[in-house]
Amino acid sequence: MTGRADGKGVRVQSLVRAFAVVDRIARDSRGATLGELIAETGLNRTTVWRLVANLTELGVLHNGWDGRYTLGPHLVTLGTAARRQLVGAPEISALLLRLRDTTQETCHFAVPDGDRMVYLEKVESTRSVRAASRVGGHIPLHSTALGRVYLATADVSVRDSLLGRIELTARTPNTITDRKRLEAELARIAEQGWALDDEENEEAIRCIAAPVTGAQGQPVAAVSVSVPVQRLPLEQVPELTSRVVATARRLSEVFRAASDDRR
């Protein structure tokens, strides 16, 4: 087992490779064959075979009857524990449910995960036409209200690092793909304290998000409401925004209280 030291500490090569395999399998609902893993990870056959054999033995992967590898049962246990630890206090789910009940629209709670955001909690709209998403799903930083409100309130060094890594891919005709325009939008979001995704990540969907802050005032998560455009004309955005911002403030209080309890 070899390691590499850099500014972020030591990276264990075999562990990095194992995560590359797991991440590749997680991206496709069908999983992946050994050949696909070799081709897409750039690792040699022997290395990939050893990794999947060990990961399968640990329950991290499952080898199906068709020869495809999928995520294994042990990840269900780990995922449940991770969600419980990250979402934390039951007040978080309760506040998200209350927001859904007052808006009747789909509400999300998300946290940063590398150069994306990941949904940790979701409460579905009570209406038949709703936004499509799933807990555990990743979304871009640049084209979503959740991602942009995190970028706008993050430390400057964190924001600059992320903006230097992410690709400003056009998700819809409304997506901002120019860095200077995005930076101007982030400055506006930081000043007003909330973000609007106006059909920029998904056509026919508007989303409003506000930051959830921790003990030091840094953003640790974000909360949002996603609404089909026909149910959210722009003149109604301020009313919905006030509810999202109020919920974000209460969630921030929960996070700060939890931080105080751990001291």
C-alpha atoms as a PDB file:
ATOM      1  CA  MET A   1       0.000   0.000   0.000  1.00  0.00           C
ATOM      2  CA  THR A   2       1.533   3.281  -1.108  1.00  0.00           C
ATOM      3  CA  GLY A   3       0.718   6.837  -0.169  1.00  0.00           C
ATOM      4  CA  ARG A   4       1.232  10.327  -1.461  1.00  0.00           C
ATOM      5  CA  ALA A   5       1.780  13.393   0.703  1.00  0.00           C
ATOM      6  CA  ASP A   6       0.450  16.736  -0.489  1.00  0.00           C
ATOM      7  CA  GLY A   7      -0.989  19.918   0.985  1.00  0.00           C
ATOM      8  CA  LYS A   8      -4.037  18.021   2.161  1.00  0.00           C
ATOM      9  CA  GLY A   9      -2.137  15.222   3.883  1.00  0.00           C
ATOM     10  CA  VAL A  10      -1.513  11.640   2.842  1.00  0.00           C
ATOM     11  CA  ARG A  11      -3.637   9.934   0.206  1.00  0.00           C
ATOM     12  CA  VAL A  12      -3.555   6.137   0.309  1.00  0.00           C
ATOM     13  CA  GLN A  13      -3.408   4.994  -3.291  1.00  0.00           C
ATOM     14  CA  SER A  14      -5.321   1.741  -2.862  1.00  0.00           C
ATOM     15  CA  LEU A  15      -8.104   3.562  -1.026  1.00  0.00           C
ATOM     16  CA  VAL A  16      -8.343   6.237  -3.714  1.00  0.00           C
ATOM     17  CA  ARG A  17      -8.550   3.509  -6.371  1.00  0.00           C
ATOM     18  CA  ALA A  18     -11.233   1.624  -4.446  1.00  0.00           C
ATOM     19  CA  PHE A  19     -13.354   4.765  -4.197  1.00  0.00           C
ATOM     20  CA  ALA A  20     -12.894   5.371  -7.934  1.00  0.00           C
ATOM     21  CA  VAL A  21     -14.347   1.915  -8.588  1.00  0.00           C
ATOM     22  CA  VAL A  22     -17.262   2.432  -6.189  1.00  0.00           C
ATOM     23  CA  ASP A  23     -18.023   5.885  -7.627  1.00  0.00           C
ATOM     24  CA  ARG A  24     -18.078   4.509 -11.167  1.00  0.00           C
ATOM     25  CA  ILE A  25     -20.482   1.743 -10.183  1.00  0.00           C
ATOM     26  CA  ALA A  26     -22.716   4.204  -8.325  1.00  0.00           C
ATOM     27  CA  ARG A  27     -23.119   6.403 -11.423  1.00  0.00           C
ATOM     28  CA  ASP A  28     -25.028   3.750 -13.378  1.00  0.00           C
ATOM     29  CA  SER A  29     -28.183   2.085 -12.047  1.00  0.00           C
ATOM     30  CA  ARG A  30     -27.062  -1.113 -13.802  1.00  0.00           C
ATOM     31  CA  GLY A  31     -23.673  -1.089 -12.113  1.00  0.00           C
ATOM     32  CA  ALA A  32     -20.672  -2.069 -14.233  1.00  0.00           C
ATOM     33  CA  THR A  33     -18.835  -5.067 -15.638  1.00  0.00           C
ATOM     34  CA  LEU A  34     -15.187  -5.759 -14.925  1.00  0.00           C
ATOM     35  CA  GLY A  35     -14.339  -4.665 -18.462  1.00  0.00           C
ATOM     36  CA  GLU A  36     -16.171  -1.368 -18.065  1.00  0.00           C
ATOM     37  CA  LEU A  37     -14.372  -0.667 -14.798  1.00  0.00           C
ATOM     38  CA  ILE A  38     -10.995  -1.342 -16.399  1.00  0.00           C
ATOM     39  CA  ALA A  39     -11.767   0.898 -19.377  1.00  0.00           C
ATOM     40  CA  GLU A  40     -13.212   3.797 -17.385  1.00  0.00           C
ATOM     41  CA  THR A  41     -10.936   3.909 -14.330  1.00  0.00           C
ATOM     42  CA  GLY A  42      -7.688   3.513 -16.258  1.00  0.00           C
ATOM     43  CA  LEU A  43      -6.522   0.803 -13.869  1.00  0.00           C
ATOM     44  CA  ASN A  44      -5.093  -2.494 -15.055  1.00  0.00           C
ATOM     45  CA  ARG A  45      -7.095  -5.718 -14.985  1.00  0.00           C
ATOM     46  CA  THR A  46      -5.278  -7.259 -12.020  1.00  0.00           C
ATOM     47  CA  THR A  47      -5.749  -4.170  -9.862  1.00  0.00           C
ATOM     48  CA  VAL A  48      -9.456  -3.863 -10.682  1.00  0.00           C
ATOM     49  CA  TRP A  49     -10.046  -7.562 -10.094  1.00  0.00           C
ATOM     50  CA  ARG A  50      -8.367  -7.418  -6.664  1.00  0.00           C
ATOM     51  CA  LEU A  51     -10.327  -4.306  -5.701  1.00  0.00           C
ATOM     52  CA  VAL A  52     -13.742  -5.673  -6.670  1.00  0.00           C
ATOM     53  CA  ALA A  53     -12.978  -9.033  -5.042  1.00  0.00           C
ATOM     54  CA  ASN A  54     -12.121  -7.365  -1.733  1.00  0.00           C
ATOM     55  CA  LEU A  55     -15.019  -4.904  -1.930  1.00  0.00           C
ATOM     56  CA  THR A  56     -17.432  -7.736  -2.693  1.00  0.00           C
ATOM     57  CA  GLU A  57     -16.152  -9.768   0.250  1.00  0.00           C
ATOM     58  CA  LEU A  58     -16.743  -6.734   2.500  1.00  0.00           C
ATOM     59  CA  GLY A  59     -20.291  -6.291   1.225  1.00  0.00           C
ATOM     60  CA  VAL A  60     -19.479  -2.951  -0.393  1.00  0.00           C
ATOM     61  CA  LEU A  61     -20.135  -4.439  -3.841  1.00  0.00           C
ATOM     62  CA  HIS A  62     -22.412  -7.215  -5.093  1.00  0.00           C
ATOM     63  CA  ASN A  63     -21.594  -9.471  -8.050  1.00  0.00           C
ATOM     64  CA  GLY A  64     -24.835 -10.241  -9.857  1.00  0.00           C
ATOM     65  CA  TRP A  65     -25.804 -13.289 -11.875  1.00  0.00           C
ATOM     66  CA  ASP A  66     -25.202 -11.291 -15.088  1.00  0.00           C
ATOM     67  CA  GLY A  67     -21.591 -10.531 -14.140  1.00  0.00           C
ATOM     68  CA  ARG A  68     -22.284  -6.891 -13.366  1.00  0.00           C
ATOM     69  CA  TYR A  69     -21.097  -5.354 -10.123  1.00  0.00           C
ATOM     70  CA  THR A  70     -23.532  -3.183  -8.180  1.00  0.00           C
ATOM     71  CA  LEU A  71     -23.384  -1.456  -4.828  1.00  0.00           C
ATOM     72  CA  GLY A  72     -23.586  -3.976  -1.997  1.00  0.00           C
ATOM     73  CA  PRO A  73     -25.794  -4.372   1.077  1.00  0.00           C
ATOM     74  CA  HIS A  74     -23.219  -3.040   3.516  1.00  0.00           C
ATOM     75  CA  LEU A  75     -23.479   0.375   1.866  1.00  0.00           C
ATOM     76  CA  VAL A  76     -27.157   0.475   2.829  1.00  0.00           C
ATOM     77  CA  THR A  77     -26.145   0.245   6.474  1.00  0.00           C
ATOM     78  CA  LEU A  78     -23.390   2.820   6.033  1.00  0.00           C
ATOM     79  CA  GLY A  79     -25.674   5.114   4.052  1.00  0.00           C
ATOM     80  CA  THR A  80     -28.355   5.009   6.713  1.00  0.00           C
ATOM     81  CA  ALA A  81     -25.801   5.825   9.406  1.00  0.00           C
ATOM     82  CA  ALA A  82     -24.260   8.615   7.321  1.00  0.00           C
ATOM     83  CA  ARG A  83     -27.630  10.213   6.672  1.00  0.00           C
ATOM     84  CA  ARG A  84     -28.501  10.010  10.364  1.00  0.00           C
ATOM     85  CA  GLN A  85     -25.200  11.619  11.355  1.00  0.00           C
ATOM     86  CA  LEU A  86     -25.274  14.315   8.686  1.00  0.00           C
ATOM     87  CA  VAL A  87     -28.917  15.265   9.045  1.00  0.00           C
ATOM     88  CA  GLY A  88     -28.534  14.931  12.788  1.00  0.00           C
ATOM     89  CA  ALA A  89     -31.243  16.329  15.016  1.00  0.00           C
ATOM     90  CA  PRO A  90     -34.860  15.313  14.332  1.00  0.00           C
ATOM     91  CA  GLU A  91     -35.693  19.034  14.272  1.00  0.00           C
ATOM     92  CA  ILE A  92     -34.178  19.205  10.791  1.00  0.00           C
ATOM     93  CA  SER A  93     -36.684  16.784   9.285  1.00  0.00           C
ATOM     94  CA  ALA A  94     -39.482  18.439  11.257  1.00  0.00           C
ATOM     95  CA  LEU A  95     -38.593  21.906   9.955  1.00  0.00           C
ATOM     96  CA  LEU A  96     -38.404  20.650   6.376  1.00  0.00           C
ATOM     97  CA  LEU A  97     -41.792  18.990   6.754  1.00  0.00           C
ATOM     98  CA  ARG A  98     -43.249  22.207   8.167  1.00  0.00           C
ATOM     99  CA  LEU A  99     -41.896  24.150   5.191  1.00  0.00           C
ATOM    100  CA  ARG A 100     -43.493  21.654   2.815  1.00  0.00           C
ATOM    101  CA  ASP A 101     -46.808  21.879   4.646  1.00  0.00           C
ATOM    102  CA  THR A 102     -46.865  25.679   4.419  1.00  0.00           C
ATOM    103  CA  THR A 103     -45.850  25.755   0.750  1.00  0.00           C
ATOM    104  CA  GLN A 104     -47.276  22.442  -0.516  1.00  0.00           C
ATOM    105  CA  GLU A 105     -44.133  22.187  -2.659  1.00  0.00           C
ATOM    106  CA  THR A 106     -41.059  19.923  -2.729  1.00  0.00           C
ATOM    107  CA  CYS A 107     -38.431  20.859  -0.137  1.00  0.00           C
ATOM    108  CA  HIS A 108     -34.768  19.835  -0.047  1.00  0.00           C
ATOM    109  CA  PHE A 109     -31.952  19.879   2.472  1.00  0.00           C
ATOM    110  CA  ALA A 110     -28.500  19.528   0.887  1.00  0.00           C
ATOM    111  CA  VAL A 111     -24.852  19.687   1.886  1.00  0.00           C
ATOM    112  CA  PRO A 112     -21.668  20.244  -0.137  1.00  0.00           C
ATOM    113  CA  ASP A 113     -19.923  17.129  -1.387  1.00  0.00           C
ATOM    114  CA  GLY A 114     -16.707  17.993  -3.194  1.00  0.00           C
ATOM    115  CA  ASP A 115     -17.610  20.134  -6.194  1.00  0.00           C
ATOM    116  CA  ARG A 116     -21.332  19.306  -6.029  1.00  0.00           C
ATOM    117  CA  MET A 117     -24.214  19.372  -3.582  1.00  0.00           C
ATOM    118  CA  VAL A 118     -25.918  16.198  -2.386  1.00  0.00           C
ATOM    119  CA  TYR A 119     -29.520  15.866  -1.220  1.00  0.00           C
ATOM    120  CA  LEU A 120     -29.692  14.505   2.326  1.00  0.00           C
ATOM    121  CA  GLU A 121     -33.369  15.089   2.949  1.00  0.00           C
ATOM    122  CA  LYS A 122     -36.403  15.605   0.751  1.00  0.00           C
ATOM    123  CA  VAL A 123     -40.093  16.118   1.452  1.00  0.00           C
ATOM    124  CA  GLU A 124     -42.284  15.664  -1.614  1.00  0.00           C
ATOM    125  CA  SER A 125     -44.873  18.140  -2.797  1.00  0.00           C
ATOM    126  CA  THR A 126     -48.465  17.175  -2.087  1.00  0.00           C
ATOM    127  CA  ARG A 127     -49.301  17.922  -5.724  1.00  0.00           C
ATOM    128  CA  SER A 128     -49.131  15.543  -8.680  1.00  0.00           C
ATOM    129  CA  VAL A 129     -46.809  17.724 -10.802  1.00  0.00           C
ATOM    130  CA  ARG A 130     -43.555  18.143  -8.882  1.00  0.00           C
ATOM    131  CA  ALA A 131     -39.782  18.407  -9.179  1.00  0.00           C
ATOM    132  CA  ALA A 132     -37.912  15.149  -9.833  1.00  0.00           C
ATOM    133  CA  SER A 133     -35.069  14.415  -7.397  1.00  0.00           C
ATOM    134  CA  ARG A 134     -33.888  11.815  -4.904  1.00  0.00           C
ATOM    135  CA  VAL A 135     -32.087  11.650  -1.585  1.00  0.00           C
ATOM    136  CA  GLY A 136     -28.435  10.892  -2.303  1.00  0.00           C
ATOM    137  CA  GLY A 137     -28.604  12.560  -5.694  1.00  0.00           C
ATOM    138  CA  HIS A 138     -25.922  15.081  -6.649  1.00  0.00           C
ATOM    139  CA  ILE A 139     -26.547  18.440  -8.285  1.00  0.00           C
ATOM    140  CA  PRO A 140     -24.195  21.047  -9.773  1.00  0.00           C
ATOM    141  CA  LEU A 141     -23.029  24.099  -7.865  1.00  0.00           C
ATOM    142  CA  HIS A 142     -23.261  26.649 -10.662  1.00  0.00           C
ATOM    143  CA  SER A 143     -26.743  25.996 -12.025  1.00  0.00           C
ATOM    144  CA  THR A 144     -28.777  25.337  -8.870  1.00  0.00           C
ATOM    145  CA  ALA A 145     -30.062  27.653  -6.158  1.00  0.00           C
ATOM    146  CA  LEU A 146     -28.719  25.276  -3.501  1.00  0.00           C
ATOM    147  CA  GLY A 147     -25.273  25.233  -5.053  1.00  0.00           C
ATOM    148  CA  ARG A 148     -25.060  28.950  -5.739  1.00  0.00           C
ATOM    149  CA  VAL A 149     -26.197  29.976  -2.268  1.00  0.00           C
ATOM    150  CA  TYR A 150     -23.467  27.750  -0.839  1.00  0.00           C
ATOM    151  CA  LEU A 151     -20.846  29.219  -3.178  1.00  0.00           C
ATOM    152  CA  ALA A 152     -21.972  32.767  -2.425  1.00  0.00           C
ATOM    153  CA  THR A 153     -21.635  32.394   1.338  1.00  0.00           C
ATOM    154  CA  ALA A 154     -18.558  30.153   1.457  1.00  0.00           C
ATOM    155  CA  ASP A 155     -15.131  31.446   2.419  1.00  0.00           C
ATOM    156  CA  VAL A 156     -13.465  33.237  -0.498  1.00  0.00           C
ATOM    157  CA  SER A 157     -10.662  30.675  -0.741  1.00  0.00           C
ATOM    158  CA  VAL A 158     -13.182  27.811  -0.839  1.00  0.00           C
ATOM    159  CA  ARG A 159     -15.287  29.575  -3.466  1.00  0.00           C
ATOM    160  CA  ASP A 160     -12.312  30.403  -5.679  1.00  0.00           C
ATOM    161  CA  SER A 161     -11.045  26.830  -5.439  1.00  0.00           C
ATOM    162  CA  LEU A 162     -14.431  25.418  -6.440  1.00  0.00           C
ATOM    163  CA  LEU A 163     -14.921  27.890  -9.291  1.00  0.00           C
ATOM    164  CA  GLY A 164     -11.518  26.913 -10.599  1.00  0.00           C
ATOM    165  CA  ARG A 165     -12.512  23.230 -10.714  1.00  0.00           C
ATOM    166  CA  ILE A 166     -16.106  23.065 -11.877  1.00  0.00           C
ATOM    167  CA  GLU A 167     -17.211  23.170 -15.501  1.00  0.00           C
ATOM    168  CA  LEU A 168     -19.921  25.744 -16.184  1.00  0.00           C
ATOM    169  CA  THR A 169     -21.958  23.366 -18.304  1.00  0.00           C
ATOM    170  CA  ALA A 170     -25.224  24.614 -19.794  1.00  0.00           C
ATOM    171  CA  ARG A 171     -28.038  22.583 -18.250  1.00  0.00           C
ATOM    172  CA  THR A 172     -30.755  24.694 -19.891  1.00  0.00           C
ATOM    173  CA  PRO A 173     -30.774  27.795 -22.118  1.00  0.00           C
ATOM    174  CA  ASN A 174     -30.923  29.900 -18.922  1.00  0.00           C
ATOM    175  CA  THR A 175     -27.787  28.459 -17.259  1.00  0.00           C
ATOM    176  CA  ILE A 176     -25.001  30.937 -16.532  1.00  0.00           C
ATOM    177  CA  THR A 177     -21.890  29.590 -18.266  1.00  0.00           C
ATOM    178  CA  ASP A 178     -19.630  32.657 -18.019  1.00  0.00           C
ATOM    179  CA  ARG A 179     -17.486  32.890 -14.888  1.00  0.00           C
ATOM    180  CA  LYS A 180     -17.673  36.677 -14.614  1.00  0.00           C
ATOM    181  CA  ARG A 181     -21.458  36.604 -14.841  1.00  0.00           C
ATOM    182  CA  LEU A 182     -21.571  33.827 -12.263  1.00  0.00           C
ATOM    183  CA  GLU A 183     -19.320  35.751  -9.884  1.00  0.00           C
ATOM    184  CA  ALA A 184     -21.571  38.797 -10.227  1.00  0.00           C
ATOM    185  CA  GLU A 185     -24.589  36.644  -9.460  1.00  0.00           C
ATOM    186  CA  LEU A 186     -22.841  35.156  -6.415  1.00  0.00           C
ATOM    187  CA  ALA A 187     -22.087  38.647  -5.108  1.00  0.00           C
ATOM    188  CA  ARG A 188     -25.769  39.544  -5.446  1.00  0.00           C
ATOM    189  CA  ILE A 189     -26.811  36.330  -3.659  1.00  0.00           C
ATOM    190  CA  ALA A 190     -24.360  36.997  -0.818  1.00  0.00           C
ATOM    191  CA  GLU A 191     -25.851  40.465  -0.341  1.00  0.00           C
ATOM    192  CA  GLN A 192     -29.501  39.408  -0.359  1.00  0.00           C
ATOM    193  CA  GLY A 193     -29.037  36.102   1.504  1.00  0.00           C
ATOM    194  CA  TRP A 194     -30.888  33.764  -0.855  1.00  0.00           C
ATOM    195  CA  ALA A 195     -30.704  32.391  -4.397  1.00  0.00           C
ATOM    196  CA  LEU A 196     -33.177  31.842  -7.220  1.00  0.00           C
ATOM    197  CA  ASP A 197     -32.741  29.195  -9.905  1.00  0.00           C
ATOM    198  CA  ASP A 198     -35.028  30.414 -12.697  1.00  0.00           C
ATOM    199  CA  GLU A 199     -35.169  27.342 -14.971  1.00  0.00           C
ATOM    200  CA  GLU A 200     -31.368  27.250 -14.966  1.00  0.00           C
ATOM    201  CA  ASN A 201     -30.872  23.634 -13.901  1.00  0.00           C
ATOM    202  CA  GLU A 202     -34.108  22.090 -15.078  1.00  0.00           C
ATOM    203  CA  GLU A 203     -36.592  23.568 -17.517  1.00  0.00           C
ATOM    204  CA  ALA A 204     -40.031  24.439 -16.137  1.00  0.00           C
ATOM    205  CA  ILE A 205     -38.732  24.431 -12.524  1.00  0.00           C
ATOM    206  CA  ARG A 206     -37.972  27.411 -10.301  1.00  0.00           C
ATOM    207  CA  CYS A 207     -36.114  26.904  -7.035  1.00  0.00           C
ATOM    208  CA  ILE A 208     -35.403  29.211  -4.093  1.00  0.00           C
ATOM    209  CA  ALA A 209     -32.640  28.366  -1.586  1.00  0.00           C
ATOM    210  CA  ALA A 210     -31.109  29.877   1.547  1.00  0.00           C
ATOM    211  CA  PRO A 211     -27.922  28.954   3.432  1.00  0.00           C
ATOM    212  CA  VAL A 212     -27.771  27.038   6.700  1.00  0.00           C
ATOM    213  CA  THR A 213     -24.829  28.194   8.800  1.00  0.00           C
ATOM    214  CA  GLY A 214     -22.811  26.555  11.561  1.00  0.00           C
ATOM    215  CA  ALA A 215     -21.290  27.753  14.810  1.00  0.00           C
ATOM    216  CA  GLN A 216     -18.706  30.003  13.127  1.00  0.00           C
ATOM    217  CA  GLY A 217     -21.185  31.437  10.645  1.00  0.00           C
ATOM    218  CA  GLN A 218     -19.840  29.353   7.783  1.00  0.00           C
ATOM    219  CA  PRO A 219     -22.313  27.623   5.405  1.00  0.00           C
ATOM    220  CA  VAL A 220     -22.732  23.944   6.234  1.00  0.00           C
ATOM    221  CA  ALA A 221     -25.868  23.180   4.206  1.00  0.00           C
ATOM    222  CA  ALA A 222     -28.739  24.793   2.335  1.00  0.00           C
ATOM    223  CA  VAL A 223     -32.512  24.431   2.207  1.00  0.00           C
ATOM    224  CA  SER A 224     -34.732  24.958  -0.814  1.00  0.00           C
ATOM    225  CA  VAL A 225     -38.217  24.817  -2.267  1.00  0.00           C
ATOM    226  CA  SER A 226     -38.649  23.671  -5.880  1.00  0.00           C
ATOM    227  CA  VAL A 227     -41.784  24.636  -7.794  1.00  0.00           C
ATOM    228  CA  PRO A 228     -43.051  24.166 -11.367  1.00  0.00           C
ATOM    229  CA  VAL A 229     -43.028  27.575 -13.077  1.00  0.00           C
ATOM    230  CA  GLN A 230     -46.767  27.555 -13.671  1.00  0.00           C
ATOM    231  CA  ARG A 231     -47.298  27.561  -9.902  1.00  0.00           C
ATOM    232  CA  LEU A 232     -44.648  30.169  -9.108  1.00  0.00           C
ATOM    233  CA  PRO A 233     -44.903  33.371 -11.150  1.00  0.00           C
ATOM    234  CA  LEU A 234     -42.037  35.753 -10.464  1.00  0.00           C
ATOM    235  CA  GLU A 235     -44.264  38.157  -8.525  1.00  0.00           C
ATOM    236  CA  GLN A 236     -44.817  35.413  -5.921  1.00  0.00           C
ATOM    237  CA  VAL A 237     -41.095  34.726  -5.407  1.00  0.00           C
ATOM    238  CA  PRO A 238     -40.681  37.219  -2.505  1.00  0.00           C
ATOM    239  CA  GLU A 239     -43.415  35.564  -0.428  1.00  0.00           C
ATOM    240  CA  LEU A 240     -41.955  32.088  -0.873  1.00  0.00           C
ATOM    241  CA  THR A 241     -38.436  33.409  -0.299  1.00  0.00           C
ATOM    242  CA  SER A 242     -39.378  34.729   3.139  1.00  0.00           C
ATOM    243  CA  ARG A 243     -40.521  31.255   4.180  1.00  0.00           C
ATOM    244  CA  VAL A 244     -37.363  29.579   2.899  1.00  0.00           C
ATOM    245  CA  VAL A 245     -35.110  32.124   4.613  1.00  0.00           C
ATOM    246  CA  ALA A 246     -37.027  31.755   7.891  1.00  0.00           C
ATOM    247  CA  THR A 247     -36.606  27.973   7.757  1.00  0.00           C
ATOM    248  CA  ALA A 248     -32.883  28.342   7.015  1.00  0.00           C
ATOM    249  CA  ARG A 249     -32.485  30.542  10.076  1.00  0.00           C
ATOM    250  CA  ARG A 250     -34.213  27.985  12.289  1.00  0.00           C
ATOM    251  CA  LEU A 251     -32.053  25.209  10.842  1.00  0.00           C
ATOM    252  CA  SER A 252     -28.959  27.299  11.534  1.00  0.00           C
ATOM    253  CA  GLU A 253     -30.064  27.618  15.150  1.00  0.00           C
ATOM    254  CA  VAL A 254     -30.366  23.816  15.333  1.00  0.00           C
ATOM    255  CA  PHE A 255     -26.838  23.388  13.978  1.00  0.00           C
ATOM    256  CA  ARG A 256     -25.391  25.959  16.359  1.00  0.00           C
ATOM    257  CA  ALA A 257     -27.151  24.369  19.338  1.00  0.00           C
ATOM    258  CA  ALA A 258     -25.841  20.936  18.340  1.00  0.00           C
ATOM    259  CA  SER A 259     -22.338  22.385  18.087  1.00  0.00           C
ATOM    260  CA  ASP A 260     -22.634  23.880  21.576  1.00  0.00           C
ATOM    261  CA  ASP A 261     -23.790  20.519  22.966  1.00  0.00           C
ATOM    262  CA  ARG A 262     -20.672  18.802  21.593  1.00  0.00           C
ATOM    263  CA  ARG A 263     -18.267  21.183  23.320  1.00  0.00           C
END
